[in-house]
Structure formats: structure tokens, C-alpha cells
Amino acid sequence: MKPKIVVLCAFMFLAAQSLMAQHPQPQPHPHPQPDPMGDNFFPPELVMHNQQAIGLTEEQRNYIHAEIQKTHEKFTNLQWQIANELETMSSLVKQDRVDEEQTLAQLDKILNLEREIKRTHIALAVRIKNRLTAEQQARLREIKTHHRR
């Protein structure tokens, strides 16, 4: 089992290094850049931990809870699929001669699953935000700002 983990970790490290080389990170500025995604969405934990402070209704609470449950199920399923595809990738790259076409096709499967995870995450954030009133969103922004300090 350990050799598989080592191979998978090495593969993921190399893939990450390759992506970073293709998309170099900008040099840090003296002031952090705003995060357009993070600044405009509210993590489910933030909403649920501040239910009373933002005046979350029972209907909103039930809806958000149901969406979190559905998303959690989907994440779990996707994680199992990724684990399976990574195991397949591991067996492909173990060979003395690696079939490039097959390996890249397998990489596409993995990347598509990772894309689906990110898409699902953003979809949940959109559903939560759309269920909140403008006042609740403003209150959550205040809470986020207070927590950053």
C-alpha cells in the first residue's frame, strides 16, 4: 500500500509543480488582493454558526441544511471516484514505458472529477447566497470582516 501512496503523492506533486510552472503566481503585493469569489460568498459553516445573528428563518435553515447534505454526498462520491482513478493512474505510470496517450486520458478523467468538485462547491455557495436576504448578507460580511481582524 505504501508504494502506491508514494507514487500517488509524487504524481500529484509533479502535476502541481507543472501547473504552477505554467501559471506562475504573481508576486505578493504589500496589500493582499481581494478575493472576488471568497469575498462575495459565504461558507456554509459561517452561515450556520451565525444563524441567530443574521436572523435565519426555519425555512432558510432547512433549505441550507438539505443543500449541504446533498453536496456532502456528492463530494464523498467524487472523492471515491478520484481515489479509483488515481489508483489507475498509478498503475499506468509504474510501467517501464509509459503510454503517453493513455496516461493523459487518465489525467483528464482525474482533472474532470476535480473540476466537478469545484463546480459543486461553487454551486452550493450560490444556492446559499441566493437564499439569504440582502440584510443577512450584509450582516455576514460584517461578521467576516470582524473575524479577519
N, C-alpha and C. Protein backbone atom coordinates (compact mmCIF):
# COMPACT_ATOMS: atom_id res chain seq x y z
N MET A 1 0.82 -1.19 0.00
CA MET A 1 0.00 0.00 0.00
C MET A 1 0.86 1.26 0.00
N LYS A 2 1.94 1.25 0.78
CA LYS A 2 2.79 2.43 0.87
C LYS A 2 3.39 2.83 -0.47
N PRO A 3 3.85 1.89 -1.30
CA PRO A 3 4.39 2.30 -2.60
C PRO A 3 3.33 3.04 -3.43
N LYS A 4 2.08 2.63 -3.34
CA LYS A 4 1.02 3.31 -4.08
C LYS A 4 0.87 4.74 -3.61
N ILE A 5 0.90 4.91 -2.31
CA ILE A 5 0.75 6.25 -1.75
C ILE A 5 1.91 7.13 -2.17
N VAL A 6 3.12 6.59 -2.14
CA VAL A 6 4.30 7.36 -2.54
C VAL A 6 4.19 7.76 -4.00
N VAL A 7 3.79 6.81 -4.85
CA VAL A 7 3.66 7.11 -6.28
C VAL A 7 2.59 8.16 -6.50
N LEU A 8 1.45 8.01 -5.81
CA LEU A 8 0.36 8.98 -5.97
C LEU A 8 0.79 10.37 -5.50
N CYS A 9 1.46 10.41 -4.36
CA CYS A 9 1.92 11.71 -3.85
C CYS A 9 2.93 12.34 -4.81
N ALA A 10 3.83 11.53 -5.32
CA ALA A 10 4.81 12.05 -6.26
C ALA A 10 4.13 12.56 -7.52
N PHE A 11 3.16 11.80 -8.01
CA PHE A 11 2.43 12.23 -9.21
C PHE A 11 1.72 13.55 -8.96
N MET A 12 1.01 13.65 -7.83
CA MET A 12 0.27 14.88 -7.54
C MET A 12 1.23 16.06 -7.37
N PHE A 13 2.37 15.81 -6.75
CA PHE A 13 3.37 16.86 -6.58
C PHE A 13 3.86 17.34 -7.94
N LEU A 14 4.19 16.40 -8.82
CA LEU A 14 4.67 16.77 -10.15
C LEU A 14 3.60 17.50 -10.95
N ALA A 15 2.36 17.04 -10.83
CA ALA A 15 1.27 17.71 -11.54
C ALA A 15 1.10 19.14 -11.03
N ALA A 16 1.17 19.31 -9.71
CA ALA A 16 1.04 20.65 -9.14
C ALA A 16 2.20 21.54 -9.58
N GLN A 17 3.41 21.00 -9.56
CA GLN A 17 4.57 21.77 -10.00
C GLN A 17 4.43 22.20 -11.45
N SER A 18 3.94 21.29 -12.28
CA SER A 18 3.75 21.58 -13.69
C SER A 18 2.73 22.70 -13.88
N LEU A 19 1.63 22.63 -13.14
CA LEU A 19 0.61 23.67 -13.24
C LEU A 19 1.15 25.01 -12.76
N MET A 20 1.91 24.98 -11.67
CA MET A 20 2.47 26.23 -11.15
C MET A 20 3.46 26.83 -12.14
N ALA A 21 4.21 26.00 -12.83
CA ALA A 21 5.18 26.50 -13.80
C ALA A 21 4.46 27.13 -14.99
N GLN A 22 3.32 26.56 -15.36
CA GLN A 22 2.55 27.10 -16.48
C GLN A 22 1.84 28.39 -16.11
N HIS A 23 1.47 28.50 -14.84
CA HIS A 23 0.74 29.68 -14.36
C HIS A 23 1.46 30.25 -13.15
N PRO A 24 2.54 30.98 -13.39
CA PRO A 24 3.30 31.50 -12.25
C PRO A 24 2.44 32.42 -11.40
N GLN A 25 2.66 32.32 -10.11
CA GLN A 25 1.91 33.15 -9.17
C GLN A 25 2.45 34.58 -9.19
N PRO A 26 1.54 35.56 -9.15
CA PRO A 26 2.03 36.94 -9.10
C PRO A 26 2.78 37.17 -7.79
N GLN A 27 3.72 38.09 -7.85
CA GLN A 27 4.47 38.42 -6.65
C GLN A 27 3.54 39.08 -5.65
N PRO A 28 3.72 38.77 -4.37
CA PRO A 28 2.83 39.35 -3.38
C PRO A 28 2.96 40.88 -3.34
N HIS A 29 1.82 41.50 -3.18
CA HIS A 29 1.80 42.95 -3.05
C HIS A 29 1.81 43.30 -1.58
N PRO A 30 2.18 44.55 -1.27
CA PRO A 30 2.17 44.94 0.14
C PRO A 30 0.78 44.78 0.76
N HIS A 31 -0.26 44.94 -0.07
CA HIS A 31 -1.63 44.77 0.41
C HIS A 31 -2.24 43.58 -0.31
N PRO A 32 -2.81 42.65 0.44
CA PRO A 32 -3.37 41.47 -0.22
C PRO A 32 -4.47 41.85 -1.21
N GLN A 33 -4.49 41.12 -2.33
CA GLN A 33 -5.51 41.36 -3.34
C GLN A 33 -6.85 40.82 -2.84
N PRO A 34 -7.94 41.50 -3.18
CA PRO A 34 -9.24 40.96 -2.78
C PRO A 34 -9.52 39.65 -3.51
N ASP A 35 -10.27 38.81 -2.86
CA ASP A 35 -10.65 37.52 -3.44
C ASP A 35 -12.09 37.65 -3.92
N PRO A 36 -12.30 37.83 -5.23
CA PRO A 36 -13.66 38.07 -5.72
C PRO A 36 -14.62 36.93 -5.40
N MET A 37 -14.14 35.72 -5.36
CA MET A 37 -15.02 34.60 -5.03
C MET A 37 -15.28 34.57 -3.52
N GLY A 38 -14.23 34.53 -2.76
CA GLY A 38 -14.37 34.42 -1.30
C GLY A 38 -15.06 35.62 -0.68
N ASP A 39 -14.82 36.79 -1.24
CA ASP A 39 -15.42 38.00 -0.68
C ASP A 39 -16.91 38.11 -0.97
N ASN A 40 -17.39 37.37 -1.95
CA ASN A 40 -18.79 37.50 -2.35
C ASN A 40 -19.65 36.30 -2.00
N PHE A 41 -19.05 35.25 -1.43
CA PHE A 41 -19.81 34.10 -1.00
C PHE A 41 -19.61 33.88 0.49
N PHE A 42 -20.47 33.06 1.06
CA PHE A 42 -20.43 32.81 2.49
C PHE A 42 -20.31 31.30 2.74
N PRO A 43 -19.23 30.89 3.39
CA PRO A 43 -19.07 29.46 3.68
C PRO A 43 -20.27 28.95 4.49
N PRO A 44 -20.70 27.73 4.21
CA PRO A 44 -21.85 27.18 4.94
C PRO A 44 -21.66 27.23 6.46
N GLU A 45 -20.41 26.97 6.92
CA GLU A 45 -20.15 26.99 8.36
C GLU A 45 -20.41 28.37 8.95
N LEU A 46 -20.02 29.41 8.22
CA LEU A 46 -20.23 30.78 8.69
C LEU A 46 -21.72 31.07 8.84
N VAL A 47 -22.50 30.67 7.85
CA VAL A 47 -23.94 30.89 7.89
C VAL A 47 -24.56 30.12 9.06
N MET A 48 -24.21 28.83 9.17
CA MET A 48 -24.84 28.00 10.19
C MET A 48 -24.39 28.37 11.61
N HIS A 49 -23.16 28.84 11.76
CA HIS A 49 -22.69 29.25 13.09
C HIS A 49 -23.25 30.60 13.52
N ASN A 50 -23.80 31.34 12.58
CA ASN A 50 -24.32 32.67 12.90
C ASN A 50 -25.80 32.80 12.56
N GLN A 51 -26.53 31.70 12.69
CA GLN A 51 -27.95 31.66 12.35
C GLN A 51 -28.75 32.73 13.08
N GLN A 52 -28.55 32.82 14.37
CA GLN A 52 -29.32 33.79 15.16
C GLN A 52 -28.89 35.22 14.87
N ALA A 53 -27.59 35.41 14.72
CA ALA A 53 -27.07 36.77 14.48
C ALA A 53 -27.59 37.36 13.18
N ILE A 54 -27.85 36.50 12.18
CA ILE A 54 -28.33 37.02 10.90
C ILE A 54 -29.83 36.84 10.72
N GLY A 55 -30.49 36.24 11.72
CA GLY A 55 -31.94 36.07 11.65
C GLY A 55 -32.37 35.04 10.60
N LEU A 56 -31.67 33.93 10.55
CA LEU A 56 -32.00 32.88 9.59
C LEU A 56 -33.37 32.29 9.95
N THR A 57 -34.23 32.18 8.98
CA THR A 57 -35.57 31.61 9.23
C THR A 57 -35.47 30.08 9.24
N GLU A 58 -36.52 29.46 9.75
CA GLU A 58 -36.58 27.99 9.76
C GLU A 58 -36.53 27.44 8.35
N GLU A 59 -37.23 28.08 7.42
CA GLU A 59 -37.25 27.63 6.02
C GLU A 59 -35.85 27.74 5.42
N GLN A 60 -35.15 28.84 5.67
CA GLN A 60 -33.79 29.02 5.16
C GLN A 60 -32.86 27.95 5.75
N ARG A 61 -32.99 27.75 7.05
CA ARG A 61 -32.15 26.77 7.75
C ARG A 61 -32.36 25.37 7.15
N ASN A 62 -33.61 24.98 6.96
CA ASN A 62 -33.90 23.65 6.40
C ASN A 62 -33.36 23.51 4.98
N TYR A 63 -33.54 24.56 4.17
CA TYR A 63 -33.05 24.53 2.79
C TYR A 63 -31.53 24.40 2.76
N ILE A 64 -30.84 25.24 3.53
CA ILE A 64 -29.37 25.23 3.53
C ILE A 64 -28.86 23.89 4.05
N HIS A 65 -29.48 23.38 5.11
CA HIS A 65 -29.07 22.09 5.66
C HIS A 65 -29.23 20.99 4.61
N ALA A 66 -30.34 20.97 3.89
CA ALA A 66 -30.58 19.96 2.85
C ALA A 66 -29.55 20.08 1.73
N GLU A 67 -29.22 21.31 1.32
CA GLU A 67 -28.23 21.52 0.27
C GLU A 67 -26.85 21.06 0.71
N ILE A 68 -26.51 21.33 1.96
CA ILE A 68 -25.21 20.89 2.49
C ILE A 68 -25.15 19.36 2.49
N GLN A 69 -26.23 18.71 2.90
CA GLN A 69 -26.28 17.25 2.91
C GLN A 69 -26.10 16.67 1.51
N LYS A 70 -26.84 17.23 0.53
CA LYS A 70 -26.72 16.74 -0.86
C LYS A 70 -25.30 16.93 -1.37
N THR A 71 -24.72 18.08 -1.08
CA THR A 71 -23.37 18.38 -1.55
C THR A 71 -22.36 17.45 -0.90
N HIS A 72 -22.53 17.18 0.39
CA HIS A 72 -21.62 16.28 1.10
C HIS A 72 -21.67 14.89 0.47
N GLU A 73 -22.84 14.40 0.14
CA GLU A 73 -22.97 13.10 -0.52
C GLU A 73 -22.23 13.09 -1.86
N LYS A 74 -22.42 14.16 -2.62
CA LYS A 74 -21.78 14.25 -3.93
C LYS A 74 -20.26 14.30 -3.78
N PHE A 75 -19.77 15.10 -2.81
CA PHE A 75 -18.32 15.18 -2.57
C PHE A 75 -17.75 13.80 -2.23
N THR A 76 -18.43 13.08 -1.36
CA THR A 76 -17.96 11.76 -0.96
C THR A 76 -17.87 10.84 -2.17
N ASN A 77 -18.89 10.84 -3.00
CA ASN A 77 -18.90 10.03 -4.21
C ASN A 77 -17.74 10.43 -5.13
N LEU A 78 -17.55 11.72 -5.33
CA LEU A 78 -16.48 12.19 -6.21
C LEU A 78 -15.10 11.83 -5.65
N GLN A 79 -14.94 11.91 -4.34
CA GLN A 79 -13.65 11.55 -3.74
C GLN A 79 -13.33 10.08 -3.95
N TRP A 80 -14.34 9.21 -3.85
CA TRP A 80 -14.13 7.79 -4.12
C TRP A 80 -13.73 7.58 -5.58
N GLN A 81 -14.39 8.30 -6.47
CA GLN A 81 -14.07 8.18 -7.89
C GLN A 81 -12.63 8.63 -8.17
N ILE A 82 -12.24 9.75 -7.54
CA ILE A 82 -10.87 10.24 -7.73
C ILE A 82 -9.86 9.21 -7.20
N ALA A 83 -10.14 8.63 -6.04
CA ALA A 83 -9.23 7.63 -5.49
C ALA A 83 -9.07 6.47 -6.46
N ASN A 84 -10.17 6.03 -7.05
CA ASN A 84 -10.12 4.93 -8.02
C ASN A 84 -9.30 5.33 -9.25
N GLU A 85 -9.54 6.53 -9.77
CA GLU A 85 -8.82 6.98 -10.96
C GLU A 85 -7.33 7.21 -10.67
N LEU A 86 -7.01 7.65 -9.45
CA LEU A 86 -5.61 7.82 -9.08
C LEU A 86 -4.90 6.47 -8.99
N GLU A 87 -5.61 5.47 -8.53
CA GLU A 87 -5.02 4.14 -8.47
C GLU A 87 -4.73 3.63 -9.89
N THR A 88 -5.66 3.90 -10.80
CA THR A 88 -5.44 3.53 -12.20
C THR A 88 -4.23 4.28 -12.76
N MET A 89 -4.15 5.58 -12.46
CA MET A 89 -3.02 6.39 -12.93
C MET A 89 -1.72 5.83 -12.38
N SER A 90 -1.73 5.45 -11.13
CA SER A 90 -0.53 4.90 -10.51
C SER A 90 -0.04 3.66 -11.26
N SER A 91 -0.98 2.79 -11.62
CA SER A 91 -0.57 1.57 -12.34
C SER A 91 -0.04 1.90 -13.73
N LEU A 92 -0.55 2.98 -14.34
CA LEU A 92 -0.06 3.37 -15.66
C LEU A 92 1.37 3.92 -15.61
N VAL A 93 1.64 4.75 -14.63
CA VAL A 93 2.96 5.40 -14.59
C VAL A 93 4.04 4.53 -13.96
N LYS A 94 3.65 3.39 -13.38
CA LYS A 94 4.61 2.44 -12.81
C LYS A 94 5.39 1.69 -13.88
N GLN A 95 4.83 1.59 -15.04
CA GLN A 95 5.42 0.80 -16.12
C GLN A 95 6.78 1.39 -16.53
N ASP A 96 7.66 0.52 -17.04
CA ASP A 96 8.96 0.98 -17.53
C ASP A 96 8.78 1.95 -18.70
N ARG A 97 7.81 1.66 -19.55
CA ARG A 97 7.49 2.54 -20.68
C ARG A 97 6.05 2.97 -20.49
N VAL A 98 5.85 4.25 -20.32
CA VAL A 98 4.53 4.79 -20.02
C VAL A 98 3.83 5.15 -21.33
N ASP A 99 2.61 4.69 -21.48
CA ASP A 99 1.79 5.02 -22.65
C ASP A 99 1.27 6.44 -22.46
N GLU A 100 1.85 7.36 -23.21
CA GLU A 100 1.53 8.78 -23.04
C GLU A 100 0.05 9.06 -23.27
N GLU A 101 -0.50 8.54 -24.35
CA GLU A 101 -1.90 8.81 -24.68
C GLU A 101 -2.84 8.31 -23.58
N GLN A 102 -2.60 7.11 -23.13
CA GLN A 102 -3.43 6.52 -22.08
C GLN A 102 -3.27 7.27 -20.76
N THR A 103 -2.05 7.67 -20.45
CA THR A 103 -1.78 8.41 -19.21
C THR A 103 -2.46 9.77 -19.24
N LEU A 104 -2.37 10.46 -20.36
CA LEU A 104 -3.00 11.78 -20.46
C LEU A 104 -4.53 11.66 -20.44
N ALA A 105 -5.06 10.61 -21.03
CA ALA A 105 -6.50 10.38 -20.97
C ALA A 105 -6.94 10.14 -19.52
N GLN A 106 -6.11 9.40 -18.78
CA GLN A 106 -6.41 9.15 -17.36
C GLN A 106 -6.32 10.44 -16.56
N LEU A 107 -5.33 11.26 -16.87
CA LEU A 107 -5.20 12.55 -16.21
C LEU A 107 -6.45 13.40 -16.46
N ASP A 108 -6.96 13.37 -17.68
CA ASP A 108 -8.18 14.12 -17.99
C ASP A 108 -9.34 13.66 -17.13
N LYS A 109 -9.45 12.37 -16.89
CA LYS A 109 -10.52 11.85 -16.02
C LYS A 109 -10.40 12.44 -14.62
N ILE A 110 -9.17 12.45 -14.11
CA ILE A 110 -8.93 12.98 -12.76
C ILE A 110 -9.24 14.47 -12.71
N LEU A 111 -8.75 15.21 -13.69
CA LEU A 111 -8.98 16.65 -13.71
C LEU A 111 -10.47 16.99 -13.85
N ASN A 112 -11.19 16.19 -14.62
CA ASN A 112 -12.63 16.41 -14.76
C ASN A 112 -13.36 16.19 -13.44
N LEU A 113 -12.93 15.19 -12.69
CA LEU A 113 -13.53 14.96 -11.37
C LEU A 113 -13.20 16.11 -10.42
N GLU A 114 -11.97 16.59 -10.47
CA GLU A 114 -11.59 17.74 -9.63
C GLU A 114 -12.39 18.98 -10.02
N ARG A 115 -12.61 19.16 -11.32
CA ARG A 115 -13.42 20.27 -11.81
C ARG A 115 -14.85 20.15 -11.27
N GLU A 116 -15.38 18.94 -11.27
CA GLU A 116 -16.74 18.73 -10.77
C GLU A 116 -16.84 19.04 -9.28
N ILE A 117 -15.80 18.74 -8.53
CA ILE A 117 -15.78 19.08 -7.11
C ILE A 117 -15.84 20.59 -6.93
N LYS A 118 -15.02 21.32 -7.68
CA LYS A 118 -15.01 22.78 -7.58
C LYS A 118 -16.35 23.37 -8.02
N ARG A 119 -16.90 22.82 -9.08
CA ARG A 119 -18.19 23.29 -9.59
C ARG A 119 -19.30 23.07 -8.55
N THR A 120 -19.28 21.93 -7.91
CA THR A 120 -20.27 21.60 -6.88
C THR A 120 -20.13 22.56 -5.69
N HIS A 121 -18.89 22.86 -5.34
CA HIS A 121 -18.64 23.78 -4.23
C HIS A 121 -19.21 25.17 -4.53
N ILE A 122 -18.94 25.67 -5.73
CA ILE A 122 -19.44 27.00 -6.11
C ILE A 122 -20.97 26.98 -6.20
N ALA A 123 -21.54 25.90 -6.72
CA ALA A 123 -23.00 25.80 -6.82
C ALA A 123 -23.63 25.89 -5.44
N LEU A 124 -23.04 25.24 -4.46
CA LEU A 124 -23.56 25.32 -3.09
C LEU A 124 -23.48 26.76 -2.58
N ALA A 125 -22.35 27.41 -2.81
CA ALA A 125 -22.18 28.79 -2.36
C ALA A 125 -23.22 29.71 -3.00
N VAL A 126 -23.50 29.50 -4.27
CA VAL A 126 -24.50 30.32 -4.98
C VAL A 126 -25.89 30.07 -4.37
N ARG A 127 -26.23 28.80 -4.15
CA ARG A 127 -27.56 28.49 -3.59
C ARG A 127 -27.74 29.11 -2.22
N ILE A 128 -26.70 29.04 -1.40
CA ILE A 128 -26.79 29.63 -0.06
C ILE A 128 -26.96 31.14 -0.17
N LYS A 129 -26.14 31.78 -0.96
CA LYS A 129 -26.22 33.24 -1.08
C LYS A 129 -27.59 33.67 -1.60
N ASN A 130 -28.11 32.96 -2.59
CA ASN A 130 -29.40 33.32 -3.16
C ASN A 130 -30.56 33.12 -2.19
N ARG A 131 -30.36 32.32 -1.15
CA ARG A 131 -31.42 32.08 -0.17
C ARG A 131 -31.41 33.13 0.94
N LEU A 132 -30.31 33.89 1.02
CA LEU A 132 -30.18 34.92 2.07
C LEU A 132 -30.71 36.26 1.57
N THR A 133 -31.26 37.03 2.49
CA THR A 133 -31.71 38.38 2.15
C THR A 133 -30.49 39.31 2.06
N ALA A 134 -30.70 40.47 1.49
CA ALA A 134 -29.61 41.47 1.40
C ALA A 134 -29.12 41.85 2.79
N GLU A 135 -30.03 41.95 3.74
CA GLU A 135 -29.65 42.30 5.12
C GLU A 135 -28.81 41.19 5.76
N GLN A 136 -29.21 39.95 5.53
CA GLN A 136 -28.44 38.83 6.08
C GLN A 136 -27.04 38.78 5.47
N GLN A 137 -26.95 39.04 4.18
CA GLN A 137 -25.65 39.06 3.52
C GLN A 137 -24.78 40.17 4.07
N ALA A 138 -25.37 41.34 4.29
CA ALA A 138 -24.61 42.47 4.85
C ALA A 138 -24.09 42.12 6.24
N ARG A 139 -24.93 41.48 7.05
CA ARG A 139 -24.52 41.09 8.40
C ARG A 139 -23.38 40.05 8.35
N LEU A 140 -23.47 39.11 7.41
CA LEU A 140 -22.40 38.11 7.27
C LEU A 140 -21.09 38.76 6.83
N ARG A 141 -21.18 39.77 5.96
CA ARG A 141 -19.96 40.49 5.56
C ARG A 141 -19.31 41.17 6.77
N GLU A 142 -20.14 41.76 7.62
CA GLU A 142 -19.63 42.38 8.85
C GLU A 142 -18.94 41.34 9.73
N ILE A 143 -19.57 40.20 9.86
CA ILE A 143 -19.01 39.12 10.70
C ILE A 143 -17.68 38.64 10.10
N LYS A 144 -17.62 38.48 8.79
CA LYS A 144 -16.38 38.06 8.14
C LYS A 144 -15.28 39.08 8.37
N THR A 145 -15.61 40.35 8.20
CA THR A 145 -14.63 41.42 8.40
C THR A 145 -14.13 41.42 9.84
N HIS A 146 -15.02 41.24 10.79
CA HIS A 146 -14.66 41.21 12.20
C HIS A 146 -13.73 40.03 12.50
N HIS A 147 -14.00 38.88 11.90
CA HIS A 147 -13.17 37.68 12.12
C HIS A 147 -11.78 37.83 11.52
N ARG A 148 -11.64 38.58 10.44
CA ARG A 148 -10.33 38.77 9.81
C ARG A 148 -9.40 39.59 10.70
N ARG A 149 -9.97 40.46 11.49
CA ARG A 149 -9.16 41.32 12.35
C ARG A 149 -8.80 40.62 13.57
